[in-house]
Protein backbone atom coordinates (compact mmCIF):
# COMPACT_ATOMS: atom_id res chain seq x y z
CA MET A 1 -78.35 23.77 -57.70
CA LYS A 2 -80.80 20.94 -58.36
CA LYS A 3 -78.13 18.44 -57.32
CA VAL A 4 -77.53 20.21 -54.00
CA LEU A 5 -81.26 20.42 -53.32
CA SER A 6 -81.73 16.71 -54.16
CA VAL A 7 -78.94 15.67 -51.80
CA PHE A 8 -80.35 17.88 -49.05
CA LEU A 9 -83.87 16.46 -49.48
CA LEU A 10 -82.57 12.88 -49.51
CA PHE A 11 -80.60 13.54 -46.32
CA ALA A 12 -83.63 15.18 -44.66
CA VAL A 13 -85.92 12.28 -45.53
CA PHE A 14 -83.41 9.67 -44.33
CA THR A 15 -82.61 11.40 -41.06
CA SER A 16 -86.26 12.14 -40.30
CA CYS A 17 -86.92 8.40 -40.26
CA ILE A 18 -84.22 7.78 -37.65
CA SER A 19 -85.18 7.83 -34.03
CA THR A 20 -82.89 9.91 -31.83
CA LYS A 21 -82.79 7.03 -29.37
CA SER A 22 -81.80 3.49 -30.26
CA THR A 23 -84.29 0.73 -29.49
CA ILE A 24 -81.63 -1.99 -29.76
CA ARG A 25 -81.44 -3.68 -26.36
CA ASN A 26 -78.37 -5.92 -26.62
CA ILE A 27 -75.45 -3.68 -27.62
CA ASP A 28 -72.36 -4.27 -25.47
CA ASP A 29 -69.14 -2.50 -26.44
CA SER A 30 -67.21 -4.27 -23.65
CA ILE A 31 -67.55 -7.71 -25.28
CA PRO A 32 -64.24 -8.96 -26.72
CA GLY A 33 -64.23 -10.09 -30.34
CA PRO A 34 -64.88 -13.78 -31.02
CA GLY A 35 -62.28 -16.26 -32.19
CA LEU A 36 -62.05 -17.17 -35.86
CA ASN A 37 -62.23 -20.56 -37.51
CA GLY A 38 -60.05 -20.19 -40.61
CA LYS A 39 -61.27 -23.43 -42.18
CA TYR A 40 -64.81 -22.07 -42.64
CA ASP A 41 -64.08 -18.32 -42.39
CA SER A 42 -66.42 -18.23 -39.43
CA PHE A 43 -66.60 -16.99 -35.90
CA ILE A 44 -66.27 -19.52 -33.11
CA ILE A 45 -69.54 -19.41 -31.21
CA THR A 46 -70.27 -21.83 -28.38
CA LYS A 47 -72.98 -20.18 -26.29
CA ASN A 48 -76.65 -20.90 -27.02
CA ALA A 49 -79.15 -18.06 -26.77
CA THR A 50 -81.96 -18.53 -24.28
CA ASP A 51 -83.97 -15.48 -25.32
CA LYS A 52 -86.33 -16.30 -28.19
CA LYS A 53 -86.02 -12.69 -29.42
CA TYR A 54 -82.25 -12.93 -30.02
CA GLY A 55 -81.74 -12.52 -33.77
CA TYR A 56 -85.46 -12.80 -34.49
CA ASP A 57 -86.45 -9.29 -33.37
CA GLU A 58 -85.15 -5.96 -34.68
CA ASP A 59 -84.63 -4.74 -31.09
CA TYR A 60 -82.49 -7.81 -30.29
CA PRO A 61 -80.35 -8.26 -33.42
CA ILE A 62 -77.15 -10.23 -33.69
CA ASN A 63 -74.49 -7.52 -33.28
CA VAL A 64 -71.35 -8.46 -35.23
CA GLY A 65 -69.52 -5.09 -35.39
CA PHE A 66 -66.21 -6.31 -33.97
CA THR A 67 -63.85 -4.97 -36.61
CA SER A 68 -63.86 -2.08 -39.05
CA LEU A 69 -67.04 -0.81 -40.63
CA GLU A 70 -65.68 -1.93 -44.01
CA ASP A 71 -65.56 -5.47 -42.63
CA GLY A 72 -69.18 -5.42 -41.39
CA THR A 73 -70.69 -7.56 -44.15
CA ARG A 74 -67.82 -10.05 -43.83
CA ASN A 75 -68.56 -10.32 -40.10
CA GLN A 76 -72.20 -11.05 -40.90
CA VAL A 77 -71.06 -13.89 -43.17
CA ARG A 78 -68.59 -15.12 -40.53
CA PHE A 79 -71.46 -15.33 -38.06
CA LEU A 80 -73.74 -17.17 -40.48
CA ASN A 81 -70.92 -19.54 -41.48
CA ALA A 82 -70.74 -20.59 -37.81
CA LEU A 83 -74.35 -21.82 -37.80
CA ALA A 84 -76.03 -25.07 -38.78
CA GLY A 85 -79.64 -26.19 -38.79
CA PRO A 86 -81.21 -27.78 -35.70
CA ASN A 87 -79.81 -31.22 -36.60
CA GLY A 88 -76.50 -30.01 -38.00
CA GLU A 89 -77.84 -29.31 -41.50
CA LYS A 90 -75.76 -27.08 -43.75
CA ILE A 91 -77.52 -23.75 -44.05
CA LYS A 92 -77.85 -21.36 -46.96
CA PHE A 93 -78.36 -17.64 -46.43
CA GLU A 94 -79.29 -14.64 -48.50
CA LEU A 95 -79.50 -10.95 -47.66
CA LYS A 96 -83.16 -10.05 -48.17
CA ASP A 97 -83.58 -6.51 -46.91
CA SER A 98 -82.39 -3.79 -44.56
CA CYS A 99 -84.60 -2.08 -42.05
CA CYS A 100 -84.93 -0.28 -38.82
CA PRO A 101 -82.69 2.81 -38.99
CA PHE A 102 -81.03 3.62 -35.67
CA PRO A 103 -78.54 6.19 -34.40
CA THR A 104 -74.93 5.09 -34.09
CA LYS A 105 -71.58 6.78 -33.60
CA LYS A 106 -69.94 4.13 -35.80
CA THR A 107 -70.79 5.85 -39.11
CA GLU A 108 -70.05 9.32 -40.44
CA MET A 109 -73.76 9.84 -41.15
CA GLY A 110 -74.64 8.93 -37.56
CA ALA A 111 -77.09 6.21 -38.55
CA GLY A 112 -77.10 2.50 -39.29
CA MET A 113 -79.50 -0.11 -40.64
CA ILE A 114 -80.07 -3.70 -39.60
CA ASP A 115 -79.80 -6.35 -42.32
CA ILE A 116 -82.32 -9.15 -42.63
CA TYR A 117 -81.02 -12.52 -43.81
CA GLU A 118 -83.18 -15.42 -44.96
CA ILE A 119 -81.85 -18.77 -43.75
CA THR A 120 -82.78 -22.12 -45.32
CA TRP A 121 -81.63 -25.73 -45.17
CA GLU A 122 -82.69 -28.95 -46.83
CA GLY A 123 -85.93 -30.36 -45.43
CA GLN A 124 -86.90 -27.09 -43.75
CA ALA A 125 -90.61 -26.25 -43.76
CA LYS A 126 -90.31 -22.46 -43.74
CA PRO A 127 -87.33 -20.06 -44.15
CA ILE A 128 -86.12 -18.17 -41.07
CA LEU A 129 -85.33 -14.47 -41.00
CA LEU A 130 -82.48 -13.24 -38.79
CA TYR A 131 -81.74 -9.59 -37.96
CA ILE A 132 -78.00 -8.84 -38.05
CA ASN A 133 -76.40 -5.52 -37.08
CA LYS A 134 -72.94 -4.96 -38.60
CA PHE A 135 -72.34 -1.64 -36.80
CA GLU A 136 -72.52 -2.49 -33.09
CA LYS A 137 -70.99 -5.15 -30.82
CA GLY A 138 -72.78 -7.60 -28.59
CA GLU A 139 -72.44 -11.10 -27.22
CA LEU A 140 -72.55 -13.62 -30.04
CA MET A 141 -74.75 -16.64 -29.40
CA ILE A 142 -76.37 -19.40 -31.41
CA PRO A 143 -80.01 -18.35 -31.96
CA LEU A 144 -82.78 -20.71 -30.87
CA GLY A 145 -83.51 -23.24 -33.64
CA PHE A 146 -79.87 -23.44 -34.76
CA THR A 147 -76.75 -25.35 -33.74
CA ALA A 148 -73.05 -24.63 -34.12
CA ARG A 149 -71.45 -25.78 -37.34
CA LYS A 150 -69.24 -28.81 -36.71
């Protein structure tokens, strides 16, 4: 009985924190999936973002949900593997946190979280945080301050 009550309370707390309306502004299910670069296990991304919020704001995350939910983290890595620093520097990345619960039809629970990655490269003054959504699709672009990996 305690187990059932604990699960119910956990579910109630989690779902009470989720808005019934998504605040994500750049989801686009009509976007075709990107090409893959097998050499670097990366997406092929050629378009540069012009919006300074793209990837830097939880309401404008990088949406990489182009394949199965089980492949979501791999798609995040494929996106990050496609990036380089502003002068072509090799980047390093680390998952730092998850935030910003939002409703989605892509999970059985009906909710998703956005992952926050810390990006660094040699000679960089301050790490950069990028918001990446593995559940939804959207146009993939190179965020401001980055270049495409050569």
